[in-house]
Structures are given as structure tokens and as C-alpha cells.
């Protein structure tokens, strides 16, 4: 199974690498607008801070803050293989840190996981069943297993969709997947609803 996941990760990385910077910017803008509509009414949202080639989240963070939404970003703890959380009132303080992920280094404002109502999660690959493939370290899966209450919203570019992703018992399914082409909502019976 791990070999299949490794192959799917490589395929997704290759597909994503073919996008030009302008395509990444344009697709990210569309995805952010979809997310803003989806997150209407939420008060506290956890958003990953994007690194190169990922769906860009800086403008989304700015827009959520302008709306009065409390934005929380994850900070990677390699020693414990876990995520700790910090409020982020201004994305300008983010600096590349662990795995080159932007983090509020020196500007942490501790946040409690129980306060998070929705989590915006990066995906390296995904399938039509709501399964997500991350980078392989399992940080988000461990966090979401421990704190299953927030809405789980995975975002990626449509070119990162896979036919099928093998699932381990620790893998957490998404409630929504958002791409530049559509929003897919999964209910408890695993039926998918798509809307553009």
C-alpha cells in the first residue's frame, strides 16, 4: 500500500509542477472565493500557511481576518509528530520554518484545538470518495483523530485528483473538497454532492 501511496504522491507532484505561477495564482484565487462562501458564519478557522506550489492561502487568511474570523495556523512539532496551534492576525509575520512551511516564528499566540470550527487542509492528492493524501508524515491525520469535531475541508488543484487513494485505518476523510473547478461535499453515507 505504501508503494501505491508513494506513486500517487509522485504523480500528483508532477501534475502540480506543470502549473505555471499564473495558473497557481488564478486557481488559488477561485478556491479562496469558494472557501469564503463555504466558511460564511464560522468564527474560528484553522488554515494552513501555504508553501511553494500549494494552493496559496495568504489572501484567504487576510480576507478571513478582515471578516472578523479568528484565524489559527498549525505549527509543526517534529519531536512529538504533532501540530500546535497559533492565532494569526497578520500573515506578514510568517517565516519559512519546519519543512519550509511558513510559521509565526517568534510571534506565537497559543490557540486551543477545541476552539477550531473548520480546518483548511492541504492535499497532495485526493479522490472522489473524499480521501486525502498528504505528504506522508501524518500530522493532520493524527490531529484530526484527536480532535474530530471541526469541519474538514481539503483543498487542491483539480489536476491532483487521483482515481482512487488507498486508505489506512488512521486516514481521515474530508467533509468537503474544494478545487478551482468545484466543491464536493461528503455526507455521512459517503454520497458526494458536487456544486460549482
C-alpha atoms as a PDB file:
ATOM      1  CA  UNK A   1       0.000   0.000   0.000  1.00  0.00           C
ATOM      2  CA  UNK A   2       2.799   2.459   0.864  1.00  0.00           C
ATOM      3  CA  UNK A   3       4.291   1.948  -2.603  1.00  0.00           C
ATOM      4  CA  UNK A   4       0.950   2.850  -4.157  1.00  0.00           C
ATOM      5  CA  UNK A   5       0.737   5.958  -1.990  1.00  0.00           C
ATOM      6  CA  UNK A   6       4.301   6.890  -2.912  1.00  0.00           C
ATOM      7  CA  UNK A   7       3.468   6.527  -6.607  1.00  0.00           C
ATOM      8  CA  UNK A   8       0.311   8.622  -6.214  1.00  0.00           C
ATOM      9  CA  UNK A   9       2.253  11.321  -4.377  1.00  0.00           C
ATOM     10  CA  UNK A  10       4.802  11.431  -7.191  1.00  0.00           C
ATOM     11  CA  UNK A  11       2.077  11.638  -9.863  1.00  0.00           C
ATOM     12  CA  UNK A  12       0.316  14.454  -8.005  1.00  0.00           C
ATOM     13  CA  UNK A  13       3.570  16.379  -7.549  1.00  0.00           C
ATOM     14  CA  UNK A  14       4.346  16.030 -11.248  1.00  0.00           C
ATOM     15  CA  UNK A  15       0.860  17.158 -12.290  1.00  0.00           C
ATOM     16  CA  UNK A  16       1.021  20.146  -9.947  1.00  0.00           C
ATOM     17  CA  UNK A  17       4.518  21.105 -11.131  1.00  0.00           C
ATOM     18  CA  UNK A  18       3.146  21.603 -14.655  1.00  0.00           C
ATOM     19  CA  UNK A  19       1.020  24.537 -13.482  1.00  0.00           C
ATOM     20  CA  UNK A  20       2.511  27.937 -14.224  1.00  0.00           C
ATOM     21  CA  UNK A  21       2.813  30.562 -11.463  1.00  0.00           C
ATOM     22  CA  UNK A  22      -0.044  32.500 -13.064  1.00  0.00           C
ATOM     23  CA  UNK A  23      -2.252  29.381 -13.144  1.00  0.00           C
ATOM     24  CA  UNK A  24      -1.468  28.677  -9.481  1.00  0.00           C
ATOM     25  CA  UNK A  25      -2.369  32.280  -8.599  1.00  0.00           C
ATOM     26  CA  UNK A  26      -5.601  32.227 -10.625  1.00  0.00           C
ATOM     27  CA  UNK A  27      -6.738  28.803  -9.388  1.00  0.00           C
ATOM     28  CA  UNK A  28      -5.884  29.776  -5.799  1.00  0.00           C
ATOM     29  CA  UNK A  29      -7.989  32.922  -6.127  1.00  0.00           C
ATOM     30  CA  UNK A  30     -11.010  30.884  -7.278  1.00  0.00           C
ATOM     31  CA  UNK A  31     -10.509  28.324  -4.496  1.00  0.00           C
ATOM     32  CA  UNK A  32     -10.242  31.122  -1.899  1.00  0.00           C
ATOM     33  CA  UNK A  33     -13.518  32.642  -3.100  1.00  0.00           C
ATOM     34  CA  UNK A  34     -15.247  29.261  -2.856  1.00  0.00           C
ATOM     35  CA  UNK A  35     -13.848  28.837   0.664  1.00  0.00           C
ATOM     36  CA  UNK A  36     -15.024  32.280   1.770  1.00  0.00           C
ATOM     37  CA  UNK A  37     -18.560  31.341   0.716  1.00  0.00           C
ATOM     38  CA  UNK A  38     -18.293  27.939   2.398  1.00  0.00           C
ATOM     39  CA  UNK A  39     -16.931  29.418   5.632  1.00  0.00           C
ATOM     40  CA  UNK A  40     -19.620  32.068   5.966  1.00  0.00           C
ATOM     41  CA  UNK A  41     -20.750  32.085   9.608  1.00  0.00           C
ATOM     42  CA  UNK A  42     -17.670  30.375  11.035  1.00  0.00           C
ATOM     43  CA  UNK A  43     -15.905  32.272  13.827  1.00  0.00           C
ATOM     44  CA  UNK A  44     -12.640  30.311  14.244  1.00  0.00           C
ATOM     45  CA  UNK A  45     -10.932  28.636  11.294  1.00  0.00           C
ATOM     46  CA  UNK A  46      -7.622  26.800  11.094  1.00  0.00           C
ATOM     47  CA  UNK A  47      -5.831  27.415   7.793  1.00  0.00           C
ATOM     48  CA  UNK A  48      -2.504  26.008   6.657  1.00  0.00           C
ATOM     49  CA  UNK A  49       0.075  28.578   5.582  1.00  0.00           C
ATOM     50  CA  UNK A  50       0.990  27.633   2.014  1.00  0.00           C
ATOM     51  CA  UNK A  51       4.434  26.941   0.656  1.00  0.00           C
ATOM     52  CA  UNK A  52       5.569  26.868  -2.986  1.00  0.00           C
ATOM     53  CA  UNK A  53       3.274  25.055  -5.466  1.00  0.00           C
ATOM     54  CA  UNK A  54       0.445  24.585  -2.932  1.00  0.00           C
ATOM     55  CA  UNK A  55      -2.912  26.343  -3.181  1.00  0.00           C
ATOM     56  CA  UNK A  56      -1.998  29.817  -1.929  1.00  0.00           C
ATOM     57  CA  UNK A  57      -3.718  30.745   1.340  1.00  0.00           C
ATOM     58  CA  UNK A  58      -2.251  34.165   2.227  1.00  0.00           C
ATOM     59  CA  UNK A  59      -5.119  36.153   0.656  1.00  0.00           C
ATOM     60  CA  UNK A  60      -7.660  33.795   2.231  1.00  0.00           C
ATOM     61  CA  UNK A  61      -6.116  34.434   5.662  1.00  0.00           C
ATOM     62  CA  UNK A  62      -6.222  38.203   5.072  1.00  0.00           C
ATOM     63  CA  UNK A  63      -9.861  38.058   3.914  1.00  0.00           C
ATOM     64  CA  UNK A  64     -10.929  35.911   6.875  1.00  0.00           C
ATOM     65  CA  UNK A  65      -9.215  38.302   9.305  1.00  0.00           C
ATOM     66  CA  UNK A  66     -10.968  41.265   7.639  1.00  0.00           C
ATOM     67  CA  UNK A  67     -14.276  39.462   8.194  1.00  0.00           C
ATOM     68  CA  UNK A  68     -13.508  39.201  11.904  1.00  0.00           C
ATOM     69  CA  UNK A  69     -12.835  35.453  11.744  1.00  0.00           C
ATOM     70  CA  UNK A  70     -10.174  34.249  14.178  1.00  0.00           C
ATOM     71  CA  UNK A  71      -7.563  32.517  12.013  1.00  0.00           C
ATOM     72  CA  UNK A  72      -5.398  29.774  13.500  1.00  0.00           C
ATOM     73  CA  UNK A  73      -2.347  28.265  11.799  1.00  0.00           C
ATOM     74  CA  UNK A  74      -0.626  24.980  12.641  1.00  0.00           C
ATOM     75  CA  UNK A  75       2.973  24.813  13.810  1.00  0.00           C
ATOM     76  CA  UNK A  76       4.806  21.547  13.171  1.00  0.00           C
ATOM     77  CA  UNK A  77       6.371  19.848  16.192  1.00  0.00           C
ATOM     78  CA  UNK A  78       8.783  17.301  14.766  1.00  0.00           C
ATOM     79  CA  UNK A  79       9.785  15.937  18.178  1.00  0.00           C
ATOM     80  CA  UNK A  80       6.224  14.884  19.055  1.00  0.00           C
ATOM     81  CA  UNK A  81       4.995  14.444  15.436  1.00  0.00           C
ATOM     82  CA  UNK A  82       2.097  16.756  16.267  1.00  0.00           C
ATOM     83  CA  UNK A  83       0.680  20.194  15.487  1.00  0.00           C
ATOM     84  CA  UNK A  84       0.484  23.056  17.936  1.00  0.00           C
ATOM     85  CA  UNK A  85      -1.744  25.996  17.113  1.00  0.00           C
ATOM     86  CA  UNK A  86      -1.302  29.757  16.989  1.00  0.00           C
ATOM     87  CA  UNK A  87      -3.664  32.598  16.162  1.00  0.00           C
ATOM     88  CA  UNK A  88      -2.545  34.576  13.131  1.00  0.00           C
ATOM     89  CA  UNK A  89      -3.882  38.126  12.958  1.00  0.00           C
ATOM     90  CA  UNK A  90      -1.381  39.068  10.238  1.00  0.00           C
ATOM     91  CA  UNK A  91       0.194  36.692   7.665  1.00  0.00           C
ATOM     92  CA  UNK A  92       3.085  39.148   7.198  1.00  0.00           C
ATOM     93  CA  UNK A  93       4.758  37.655  10.293  1.00  0.00           C
ATOM     94  CA  UNK A  94       5.028  34.180   8.717  1.00  0.00           C
ATOM     95  CA  UNK A  95       8.546  32.878   8.066  1.00  0.00           C
ATOM     96  CA  UNK A  96       9.637  29.605   6.388  1.00  0.00           C
ATOM     97  CA  UNK A  97      10.240  27.039   9.139  1.00  0.00           C
ATOM     98  CA  UNK A  98       9.961  23.237   9.502  1.00  0.00           C
ATOM     99  CA  UNK A  99       9.735  21.505   6.075  1.00  0.00           C
ATOM    100  CA  UNK A 100       9.826  25.073   4.649  1.00  0.00           C
ATOM    101  CA  UNK A 101       6.255  25.619   5.927  1.00  0.00           C
ATOM    102  CA  UNK A 102       5.589  29.273   6.871  1.00  0.00           C
ATOM    103  CA  UNK A 103       5.015  29.644  10.617  1.00  0.00           C
ATOM    104  CA  UNK A 104       4.628  32.611  13.018  1.00  0.00           C
ATOM    105  CA  UNK A 105       8.167  32.203  14.339  1.00  0.00           C
ATOM    106  CA  UNK A 106       8.645  34.414  17.403  1.00  0.00           C
ATOM    107  CA  UNK A 107       5.044  35.683  17.184  1.00  0.00           C
ATOM    108  CA  UNK A 108       3.038  32.755  18.547  1.00  0.00           C
ATOM    109  CA  UNK A 109      -0.371  33.402  20.088  1.00  0.00           C
ATOM    110  CA  UNK A 110      -1.346  29.980  21.502  1.00  0.00           C
ATOM    111  CA  UNK A 111      -4.744  28.663  20.436  1.00  0.00           C
ATOM    112  CA  UNK A 112      -6.764  25.706  21.704  1.00  0.00           C
ATOM    113  CA  UNK A 113      -7.762  22.920  19.253  1.00  0.00           C
ATOM    114  CA  UNK A 114     -11.222  22.782  20.857  1.00  0.00           C
ATOM    115  CA  UNK A 115     -11.945  26.279  19.501  1.00  0.00           C
ATOM    116  CA  UNK A 116     -11.420  25.302  15.853  1.00  0.00           C
ATOM    117  CA  UNK A 117     -14.706  25.056  13.900  1.00  0.00           C
ATOM    118  CA  UNK A 118     -13.249  24.268  10.471  1.00  0.00           C
ATOM    119  CA  UNK A 119      -9.839  23.151   9.211  1.00  0.00           C
ATOM    120  CA  UNK A 120      -8.489  24.022   5.764  1.00  0.00           C
ATOM    121  CA  UNK A 121      -6.142  21.156   4.910  1.00  0.00           C
ATOM    122  CA  UNK A 122      -3.528  20.883   2.143  1.00  0.00           C
ATOM    123  CA  UNK A 123      -3.814  17.823  -0.092  1.00  0.00           C
ATOM    124  CA  UNK A 124      -1.147  16.361  -2.309  1.00  0.00           C
ATOM    125  CA  UNK A 125      -3.766  14.112  -3.919  1.00  0.00           C
ATOM    126  CA  UNK A 126      -7.431  13.249  -3.389  1.00  0.00           C
ATOM    127  CA  UNK A 127     -10.123  11.027  -4.849  1.00  0.00           C
ATOM    128  CA  UNK A 128     -13.861  11.282  -5.500  1.00  0.00           C
ATOM    129  CA  UNK A 129     -14.642   9.486  -2.215  1.00  0.00           C
ATOM    130  CA  UNK A 130     -13.235  12.265  -0.022  1.00  0.00           C
ATOM    131  CA  UNK A 131      -9.937  10.530   0.706  1.00  0.00           C
ATOM    132  CA  UNK A 132      -6.865  12.731   1.056  1.00  0.00           C
ATOM    133  CA  UNK A 133      -3.196  12.040   0.544  1.00  0.00           C
ATOM    134  CA  UNK A 134      -0.800  14.354   2.366  1.00  0.00           C
ATOM    135  CA  UNK A 135       2.968  14.440   2.333  1.00  0.00           C
ATOM    136  CA  UNK A 136       3.204  11.229   4.361  1.00  0.00           C
ATOM    137  CA  UNK A 137       4.135  12.391   7.864  1.00  0.00           C
ATOM    138  CA  UNK A 138       0.567  12.066   9.201  1.00  0.00           C
ATOM    139  CA  UNK A 139       0.446  15.352  11.151  1.00  0.00           C
ATOM    140  CA  UNK A 140      -3.090  16.262  10.068  1.00  0.00           C
ATOM    141  CA  UNK A 141      -4.459  12.724  10.405  1.00  0.00           C
ATOM    142  CA  UNK A 142      -3.180  12.498  13.986  1.00  0.00           C
ATOM    143  CA  UNK A 143      -4.582  15.939  14.809  1.00  0.00           C
ATOM    144  CA  UNK A 144      -7.999  15.155  13.282  1.00  0.00           C
ATOM    145  CA  UNK A 145      -8.209  11.764  15.004  1.00  0.00           C
ATOM    146  CA  UNK A 146      -7.628  13.505  18.322  1.00  0.00           C
ATOM    147  CA  UNK A 147      -9.931  16.453  17.534  1.00  0.00           C
ATOM    148  CA  UNK A 148     -12.608  15.156  15.127  1.00  0.00           C
ATOM    149  CA  UNK A 149     -15.162  17.945  15.740  1.00  0.00           C
ATOM    150  CA  UNK A 150     -14.168  20.582  13.105  1.00  0.00           C
ATOM    151  CA  UNK A 151     -15.421  20.583   9.529  1.00  0.00           C
ATOM    152  CA  UNK A 152     -12.607  19.092   7.453  1.00  0.00           C
ATOM    153  CA  UNK A 153     -12.077  20.943   4.168  1.00  0.00           C
ATOM    154  CA  UNK A 154      -9.330  19.693   1.861  1.00  0.00           C
ATOM    155  CA  UNK A 155      -8.102  21.969  -0.918  1.00  0.00           C
ATOM    156  CA  UNK A 156      -6.041  21.216  -4.006  1.00  0.00           C
ATOM    157  CA  UNK A 157      -5.916  21.865  -7.728  1.00  0.00           C
ATOM    158  CA  UNK A 158      -8.148  19.647  -9.858  1.00  0.00           C
ATOM    159  CA  UNK A 159      -5.079  18.152 -11.607  1.00  0.00           C
ATOM    160  CA  UNK A 160      -4.172  16.492  -8.291  1.00  0.00           C
ATOM    161  CA  UNK A 161      -7.220  14.227  -8.309  1.00  0.00           C
ATOM    162  CA  UNK A 162      -6.435  10.503  -8.342  1.00  0.00           C
ATOM    163  CA  UNK A 163      -8.642   7.629  -9.467  1.00  0.00           C
ATOM    164  CA  UNK A 164      -8.553   6.032  -6.033  1.00  0.00           C
ATOM    165  CA  UNK A 165      -6.467   6.510  -2.896  1.00  0.00           C
ATOM    166  CA  UNK A 166      -5.711   3.512  -0.665  1.00  0.00           C
ATOM    167  CA  UNK A 167      -6.970   4.108   2.868  1.00  0.00           C
ATOM    168  CA  UNK A 168      -5.370   3.104   6.161  1.00  0.00           C
ATOM    169  CA  UNK A 169      -7.312   2.944   9.426  1.00  0.00           C
ATOM    170  CA  UNK A 170      -5.694   6.211  10.576  1.00  0.00           C
ATOM    171  CA  UNK A 171      -6.581   8.171   7.427  1.00  0.00           C
ATOM    172  CA  UNK A 172      -9.266  10.826   7.932  1.00  0.00           C
ATOM    173  CA  UNK A 173     -11.834  11.581   5.227  1.00  0.00           C
ATOM    174  CA  UNK A 174     -12.714  15.121   4.247  1.00  0.00           C
ATOM    175  CA  UNK A 175     -16.168  16.659   4.726  1.00  0.00           C
ATOM    176  CA  UNK A 176     -15.537  18.893   1.712  1.00  0.00           C
ATOM    177  CA  UNK A 177     -13.006  19.026  -1.087  1.00  0.00           C
ATOM    178  CA  UNK A 178     -12.561  22.337  -2.886  1.00  0.00           C
ATOM    179  CA  UNK A 179     -10.761  22.793  -6.203  1.00  0.00           C
ATOM    180  CA  UNK A 180     -10.835  25.580  -8.786  1.00  0.00           C
ATOM    181  CA  UNK A 181     -13.497  23.581 -10.646  1.00  0.00           C
ATOM    182  CA  UNK A 182     -15.908  22.517  -7.918  1.00  0.00           C
ATOM    183  CA  UNK A 183     -16.840  21.952  -4.303  1.00  0.00           C
ATOM    184  CA  UNK A 184     -17.588  18.353  -3.370  1.00  0.00           C
ATOM    185  CA  UNK A 185     -19.491  17.736  -0.136  1.00  0.00           C
ATOM    186  CA  UNK A 186     -19.498  14.323   1.518  1.00  0.00           C
ATOM    187  CA  UNK A 187     -22.234  13.324   3.906  1.00  0.00           C
ATOM    188  CA  UNK A 188     -22.169  10.504   6.416  1.00  0.00           C
ATOM    189  CA  UNK A 189     -23.403   7.938   3.911  1.00  0.00           C
ATOM    190  CA  UNK A 190     -20.383   8.756   1.732  1.00  0.00           C
ATOM    191  CA  UNK A 191     -22.551  10.150  -1.032  1.00  0.00           C
ATOM    192  CA  UNK A 192     -20.874  13.038  -2.768  1.00  0.00           C
ATOM    193  CA  UNK A 193     -22.676  16.182  -3.828  1.00  0.00           C
ATOM    194  CA  UNK A 194     -20.922  18.390  -6.338  1.00  0.00           C
ATOM    195  CA  UNK A 195     -21.609  22.018  -6.971  1.00  0.00           C
ATOM    196  CA  UNK A 196     -19.759  24.657  -8.910  1.00  0.00           C
END
